[in-house]
Amino acid sequence: MSLRSKLSTAAKATLVGAGVAVAATRTLRERAGELEPALDGRQGTFRWRGMDVAYTEAGDPDAETIVLLHGMNAAASSGEWRETFPLLAEEYHVVAPDFPGFGRSDRPPLRYSAALYEDFVRDFLKEFEEPRVVASSLSSAYVAAVADRADVADLTLVCPTAVGGPEPSNGWIRGVVRAPIVGDAVFALLTTRAAIRYFNADHGYWDPAKAGEDWPDYEWRTAHQANARFAPAAFLSGDLNSDLDLGSTLADLDAPVTVVWGREADLPPLSEGRDLAERADAELVVFDDTMLLPHVEFPVQFADTVRGIRPDESVRAEADE
């Protein structure tokens, strides 16, 4: 076979493969359907830098405001707060946005970064008067970076970290996931229902059943919306890592800080939580029998912790040990 024939055959095979990938992606998006709000409440839109950022609010608008900031992962959304949100809304004005690129917010094919999200958090928080903030994982670093400028009243941070992806950032991973056709196919493999269940059980939940029977399906659906791969590509490549020295930054804040950790968490482990709380001069509250999501596995006790009520025998303050 001549070189021209070989190239022609390869080109045809590539086109067929691309066509199959495009068709598969289209089918998955059709099955995912339009994403409904993950939280019950008043639905709103915050217009920011040409994007519509979706948020849900509940509770008395005249009450003290608590803003809930979800963590970063391939299927992230404000639904992370689904168990705690209604409990806090009984007493507070509670607001939970979907970060740009996630959930029901716009997902343009931007080069997402920690700096972008720090700016978003600052501007969103400035919409409220001295808000209290509860943040999860990487979003803890974003709010720590802007807390003084946003006039935050206090911070409750769940397994806070400044690093969620490789260090230094990996441009190859970013390029693959962002690539047309190939990127959709790779991201689809990373966000199958089986993969979502695996990650939930491996480091999300100590008891995966507490995620809720319907929640993995919602995660799958949010990961199969149009342009869903772009913000997670930044997370997977390390572009969402913060340059912040989290401990010293928290120590320098005027706002009080409470750090909450799951005793069984391993990404990052409790040992890092103890070190961070000591460096930040923050109270550390440790929840037994949970990993990265104590606010889902023990929502009542977590809501009490945010209220300032310290845990019962099922969860205990590290400082009291």
Protein backbone atom coordinates (compact mmCIF):
# COMPACT_ATOMS: atom_id res chain seq x y z
CA MET A 1 0.00 0.00 0.00
CA SER A 2 1.34 3.43 -0.92
CA LEU A 3 1.95 6.17 1.65
CA ARG A 4 -0.93 8.16 0.15
CA SER A 5 -3.25 5.15 0.56
CA LYS A 6 -2.12 4.63 4.15
CA LEU A 7 -2.73 8.29 5.01
CA SER A 8 -6.11 8.16 3.32
CA THR A 9 -7.08 5.06 5.30
CA ALA A 10 -5.87 6.62 8.56
CA ALA A 11 -7.75 9.82 7.83
CA LYS A 12 -10.97 7.92 7.18
CA ALA A 13 -10.56 5.93 10.40
CA THR A 14 -9.93 9.14 12.33
CA LEU A 15 -13.04 10.75 10.88
CA VAL A 16 -15.14 7.71 11.72
CA GLY A 17 -13.77 7.67 15.28
CA ALA A 18 -14.40 11.39 15.65
CA GLY A 19 -17.91 10.96 14.34
CA VAL A 20 -18.61 8.20 16.86
CA ALA A 21 -17.21 10.35 19.69
CA VAL A 22 -19.32 13.35 18.69
CA ALA A 23 -22.44 11.20 18.47
CA ALA A 24 -21.73 9.63 21.85
CA THR A 25 -21.22 13.04 23.46
CA ARG A 26 -24.48 14.32 21.97
CA THR A 27 -26.33 11.26 23.26
CA LEU A 28 -24.94 11.69 26.77
CA ARG A 29 -26.00 15.34 26.86
CA GLU A 30 -29.47 14.47 25.68
CA ARG A 31 -29.75 11.87 28.43
CA ALA A 32 -28.49 14.36 31.03
CA GLY A 33 -31.18 16.86 30.07
CA GLU A 34 -31.56 20.37 31.43
CA LEU A 35 -30.16 20.65 34.94
CA GLU A 36 -32.65 21.65 37.62
CA PRO A 37 -31.56 23.49 40.79
CA ALA A 38 -29.89 21.21 43.29
CA LEU A 39 -31.30 23.20 46.22
CA ASP A 40 -34.85 24.23 47.07
CA GLY A 41 -35.26 27.96 47.44
CA ARG A 42 -35.46 31.21 45.54
CA GLN A 43 -33.44 30.98 42.33
CA GLY A 44 -31.38 33.98 41.28
CA THR A 45 -28.72 35.07 38.81
CA PHE A 46 -25.64 37.15 39.53
CA ARG A 47 -24.32 38.79 36.37
CA TRP A 48 -20.53 38.70 36.47
CA ARG A 49 -18.03 39.40 33.68
CA GLY A 50 -20.56 38.55 31.00
CA MET A 51 -21.61 35.31 32.71
CA ASP A 52 -24.84 34.36 34.46
CA VAL A 53 -23.92 32.82 37.80
CA ALA A 54 -26.78 30.83 39.30
CA TYR A 55 -27.47 30.84 43.02
CA THR A 56 -30.16 29.66 45.43
CA GLU A 57 -31.22 31.56 48.52
CA ALA A 58 -33.58 30.76 51.35
CA GLY A 59 -34.53 32.09 54.75
CA ASP A 60 -35.42 35.59 55.90
CA PRO A 61 -33.62 38.14 53.66
CA ASP A 62 -33.37 40.46 56.68
CA ALA A 63 -31.58 37.84 58.77
CA GLU A 64 -27.81 37.43 59.02
CA THR A 65 -26.42 36.14 55.72
CA ILE A 66 -24.42 32.93 55.36
CA VAL A 67 -22.84 32.23 51.97
CA LEU A 68 -22.03 28.59 51.19
CA LEU A 69 -19.19 28.00 48.71
CA HIS A 70 -18.89 24.50 47.24
CA GLY A 71 -15.62 22.68 46.63
CA MET A 72 -14.03 21.84 43.29
CA ASN A 73 -14.29 18.51 41.49
CA ALA A 74 -15.43 17.18 38.13
CA ALA A 75 -19.11 17.20 39.18
CA ALA A 76 -19.13 20.12 41.61
CA SER A 77 -22.16 22.28 42.35
CA SER A 78 -23.95 24.08 45.16
CA GLY A 79 -25.78 20.79 45.73
CA GLU A 80 -22.87 19.88 47.99
CA TRP A 81 -24.82 21.84 50.65
CA ARG A 82 -28.13 20.04 50.07
CA GLU A 83 -28.38 18.69 53.62
CA THR A 84 -27.13 21.77 55.51
CA PHE A 85 -28.80 24.48 53.41
CA PRO A 86 -32.40 24.00 54.68
CA LEU A 87 -31.25 23.66 58.30
CA LEU A 88 -29.36 26.94 58.26
CA ALA A 89 -32.23 28.64 56.40
CA GLU A 90 -34.42 28.14 59.47
CA GLU A 91 -32.42 30.88 61.21
CA TYR A 92 -30.32 32.68 58.57
CA HIS A 93 -30.51 34.17 55.11
CA VAL A 94 -28.56 31.47 53.24
CA VAL A 95 -27.11 31.88 49.74
CA ALA A 96 -25.34 29.17 47.73
CA PRO A 97 -23.90 29.93 44.26
CA ASP A 98 -22.70 27.57 41.58
CA PHE A 99 -19.21 28.75 40.70
CA PRO A 100 -18.75 29.89 37.08
CA GLY A 101 -18.13 26.77 35.01
CA PHE A 102 -20.14 24.51 37.33
CA GLY A 103 -23.72 23.57 38.11
CA ARG A 104 -26.36 25.80 36.54
CA SER A 105 -23.99 28.73 36.00
CA ASP A 106 -22.64 29.62 32.58
CA ARG A 107 -19.73 27.43 31.44
CA PRO A 108 -17.82 29.33 28.78
CA PRO A 109 -14.57 27.72 27.53
CA LEU A 110 -12.39 30.02 29.63
CA ARG A 111 -8.96 29.32 31.05
CA TYR A 112 -10.25 28.92 34.60
CA SER A 113 -7.85 29.76 37.43
CA ALA A 114 -7.61 30.37 41.17
CA ALA A 115 -7.27 34.11 40.49
CA LEU A 116 -10.54 34.10 38.52
CA TYR A 117 -12.38 32.40 41.37
CA GLU A 118 -10.86 34.69 43.99
CA ASP A 119 -12.22 37.65 42.02
CA PHE A 120 -15.62 36.00 41.74
CA VAL A 121 -15.80 35.26 45.48
CA ARG A 122 -14.79 38.82 46.34
CA ASP A 123 -17.38 40.39 44.04
CA PHE A 124 -20.16 37.98 45.03
CA LEU A 125 -19.59 38.49 48.77
CA LYS A 126 -19.63 42.25 48.37
CA GLU A 127 -23.31 41.92 47.47
CA PHE A 128 -24.00 41.22 51.16
CA GLU A 129 -23.33 43.11 54.37
CA GLU A 130 -20.69 41.36 56.50
CA PRO A 131 -21.62 37.85 55.37
CA ARG A 132 -20.61 34.78 57.24
CA VAL A 133 -18.99 32.25 54.90
CA VAL A 134 -18.86 28.47 54.90
CA ALA A 135 -16.46 27.09 52.30
CA SER A 136 -15.32 23.63 51.27
CA SER A 137 -11.88 22.43 50.20
CA LEU A 138 -10.29 24.71 47.55
CA SER A 139 -12.95 27.40 47.83
CA SER A 140 -11.60 27.96 51.36
CA ALA A 141 -8.39 29.34 49.85
CA TYR A 142 -10.33 31.63 47.52
CA VAL A 143 -12.33 33.20 50.31
CA ALA A 144 -9.29 33.42 52.59
CA ALA A 145 -7.53 35.47 49.91
CA VAL A 146 -10.31 38.07 49.78
CA ALA A 147 -11.99 37.85 53.22
CA ASP A 148 -10.71 41.18 54.51
CA ARG A 149 -11.61 43.03 51.31
CA ALA A 150 -15.06 41.44 51.29
CA ASP A 151 -15.68 42.36 54.95
CA VAL A 152 -16.46 38.79 55.99
CA ALA A 153 -17.79 38.33 59.53
CA ASP A 154 -16.41 34.84 60.11
CA LEU A 155 -15.28 31.71 58.28
CA THR A 156 -16.13 28.04 58.70
CA LEU A 157 -13.86 26.02 56.44
CA VAL A 158 -14.35 22.31 55.68
CA CYS A 159 -11.10 20.42 55.00
CA PRO A 160 -9.55 23.63 53.63
CA THR A 161 -6.66 23.39 51.20
CA ALA A 162 -4.86 25.55 48.68
CA VAL A 163 -3.94 22.56 46.49
CA GLY A 164 -6.42 20.33 44.66
CA GLY A 165 -4.43 19.23 41.63
CA PRO A 166 -0.85 18.50 40.54
CA GLU A 167 1.99 20.82 41.48
CA PRO A 168 3.23 22.40 39.31
CA SER A 169 0.18 22.55 37.06
CA ASN A 170 0.14 20.07 34.20
CA GLY A 171 -0.53 21.68 30.83
CA TRP A 172 -0.72 18.31 29.10
CA ILE A 173 -3.73 17.25 31.19
CA ARG A 174 -5.37 20.61 30.61
CA GLY A 175 -4.81 20.38 26.88
CA VAL A 176 -6.20 16.87 26.57
CA VAL A 177 -9.39 17.57 28.53
CA ARG A 178 -9.99 20.89 26.74
CA ALA A 179 -9.37 19.45 23.29
CA PRO A 180 -12.32 19.22 20.88
CA ILE A 181 -13.83 15.73 20.54
CA VAL A 182 -10.98 13.98 22.40
CA GLY A 183 -11.55 16.11 25.48
CA ASP A 184 -15.24 15.28 25.54
CA ALA A 185 -14.45 11.58 25.25
CA VAL A 186 -11.80 11.67 28.02
CA PHE A 187 -14.03 13.68 30.35
CA ALA A 188 -16.92 11.30 29.72
CA LEU A 189 -14.71 8.41 30.87
CA LEU A 190 -13.74 10.32 34.02
CA THR A 191 -17.36 11.05 34.87
CA THR A 192 -19.17 7.79 34.24
CA ARG A 193 -21.64 6.77 36.92
CA ALA A 194 -19.17 4.10 38.06
CA ALA A 195 -16.35 6.65 38.33
CA ILE A 196 -18.53 9.03 40.34
CA ARG A 197 -19.53 6.25 42.73
CA TYR A 198 -15.87 5.26 43.08
CA PHE A 199 -14.65 8.76 43.95
CA ASN A 200 -17.53 9.26 46.39
CA ALA A 201 -16.66 6.06 48.21
CA ASP A 202 -12.88 6.43 47.98
CA HIS A 203 -12.45 9.85 49.55
CA GLY A 204 -15.79 11.68 49.65
CA TYR A 205 -18.00 9.79 52.09
CA TRP A 206 -17.22 7.46 54.96
CA ASP A 207 -20.69 6.01 54.37
CA PRO A 208 -21.49 6.45 50.64
CA ALA A 209 -25.16 5.69 51.31
CA LYS A 210 -25.38 9.08 53.03
CA ALA A 211 -24.80 10.77 49.68
CA GLY A 212 -28.44 9.99 48.94
CA GLU A 213 -29.91 7.62 46.41
CA ASP A 214 -30.45 10.28 43.74
CA TRP A 215 -27.34 12.39 44.26
CA PRO A 216 -24.86 10.42 42.09
CA ASP A 217 -27.28 10.76 39.19
CA TYR A 218 -27.37 14.55 39.65
CA GLU A 219 -23.56 14.59 39.70
CA TRP A 220 -23.51 12.59 36.47
CA ARG A 221 -25.98 14.96 34.85
CA THR A 222 -24.11 18.12 35.86
CA ALA A 223 -20.92 16.60 34.45
CA HIS A 224 -22.63 16.06 31.08
CA GLN A 225 -23.93 19.55 30.42
CA ALA A 226 -22.56 21.53 27.47
CA ASN A 227 -19.00 22.79 28.12
CA ALA A 228 -18.90 20.86 31.38
CA ARG A 229 -15.27 19.84 30.94
CA PHE A 230 -13.58 23.26 30.89
CA ALA A 231 -13.62 24.23 34.56
CA PRO A 232 -12.83 20.64 35.70
CA ALA A 233 -9.93 20.62 33.21
CA ALA A 234 -8.42 23.46 35.22
CA PHE A 235 -8.99 21.53 38.45
CA LEU A 236 -7.49 18.30 37.10
CA SER A 237 -4.44 20.09 35.72
CA GLY A 238 -3.73 22.04 38.90
CA ASP A 239 -4.69 25.45 37.47
CA LEU A 240 -7.14 25.97 40.33
CA ASN A 241 -4.41 25.57 42.95
CA SER A 242 -3.86 28.72 44.99
CA ASP A 243 -0.42 30.24 45.63
CA LEU A 244 -1.66 31.24 49.07
CA ASP A 245 0.11 30.25 52.27
CA LEU A 246 -3.22 29.28 53.77
CA GLY A 247 -2.13 29.05 57.39
CA SER A 248 -0.49 32.46 57.59
CA THR A 249 -3.23 34.10 55.54
CA LEU A 250 -5.93 32.81 57.88
CA ALA A 251 -3.87 33.87 60.91
CA ASP A 252 -3.71 37.43 59.57
CA LEU A 253 -7.48 37.77 59.08
CA ASP A 254 -9.57 39.87 61.42
CA ALA A 255 -12.47 37.42 61.06
CA PRO A 256 -12.62 34.38 63.39
CA VAL A 257 -11.93 31.04 61.69
CA THR A 258 -13.26 27.57 62.47
CA VAL A 259 -11.71 24.60 60.68
CA VAL A 260 -13.86 21.47 60.33
CA TRP A 261 -12.33 18.10 59.43
CA GLY A 262 -13.47 14.53 58.95
CA ARG A 263 -11.38 12.17 61.06
CA GLU A 264 -11.25 9.58 58.25
CA ALA A 265 -10.34 12.08 55.51
CA ASP A 266 -7.16 11.29 53.62
CA LEU A 267 -7.15 13.92 50.84
CA PRO A 268 -5.97 15.84 52.84
CA PRO A 269 -5.59 13.92 56.12
CA LEU A 270 -6.46 15.15 59.60
CA SER A 271 -2.78 15.64 60.42
CA GLU A 272 -2.75 18.51 57.92
CA GLY A 273 -5.88 19.90 59.53
CA ARG A 274 -4.24 19.97 62.94
CA ASP A 275 -1.17 21.72 61.54
CA LEU A 276 -3.26 24.24 59.62
CA ALA A 277 -5.49 25.07 62.59
CA GLU A 278 -2.42 25.62 64.79
CA ARG A 279 -0.76 27.89 62.23
CA ALA A 280 -3.99 29.79 61.62
CA ASP A 281 -4.78 30.10 65.34
CA ALA A 282 -8.18 28.63 64.48
CA GLU A 283 -10.50 26.29 66.36
CA LEU A 284 -10.46 22.77 64.94
CA VAL A 285 -13.66 20.71 65.10
CA VAL A 286 -13.26 17.06 64.14
CA PHE A 287 -16.18 14.90 63.01
CA ASP A 288 -15.87 11.17 63.59
CA ASP A 289 -16.98 8.62 60.98
CA THR A 290 -16.78 11.02 58.04
CA MET A 291 -14.30 12.13 55.39
CA LEU A 292 -14.44 15.28 53.25
CA LEU A 293 -18.17 15.93 53.60
CA PRO A 294 -19.22 16.12 57.26
CA HIS A 295 -21.86 18.66 56.23
CA VAL A 296 -23.58 15.90 54.23
CA GLU A 297 -22.99 12.97 56.57
CA PHE A 298 -23.79 14.88 59.80
CA PRO A 299 -25.82 17.90 58.68
CA VAL A 300 -27.52 18.65 62.01
CA GLN A 301 -24.27 18.66 63.96
CA PHE A 302 -22.54 20.62 61.22
CA ALA A 303 -25.28 23.27 61.18
CA ASP A 304 -24.92 23.54 64.95
CA THR A 305 -21.18 24.02 64.53
CA VAL A 306 -21.82 26.93 62.15
CA ARG A 307 -24.28 28.37 64.66
CA GLY A 308 -21.56 28.21 67.33
CA ILE A 309 -22.99 25.22 69.19
CA ARG A 310 -20.22 22.79 69.90
CA PRO A 311 -20.56 19.08 69.08
CA ASP A 312 -22.05 16.26 71.12
CA GLU A 313 -20.44 12.88 71.72
CA SER A 314 -20.55 11.93 68.01
CA VAL A 315 -18.32 14.81 67.04
CA ARG A 316 -15.80 16.46 69.26
CA ALA A 317 -13.64 19.53 69.31
CA GLU A 318 -9.98 18.62 68.85
CA ALA A 319 -8.99 21.25 71.37
CA ASP A 320 -10.90 19.37 74.08
CA GLU A 321 -9.04 16.08 73.59
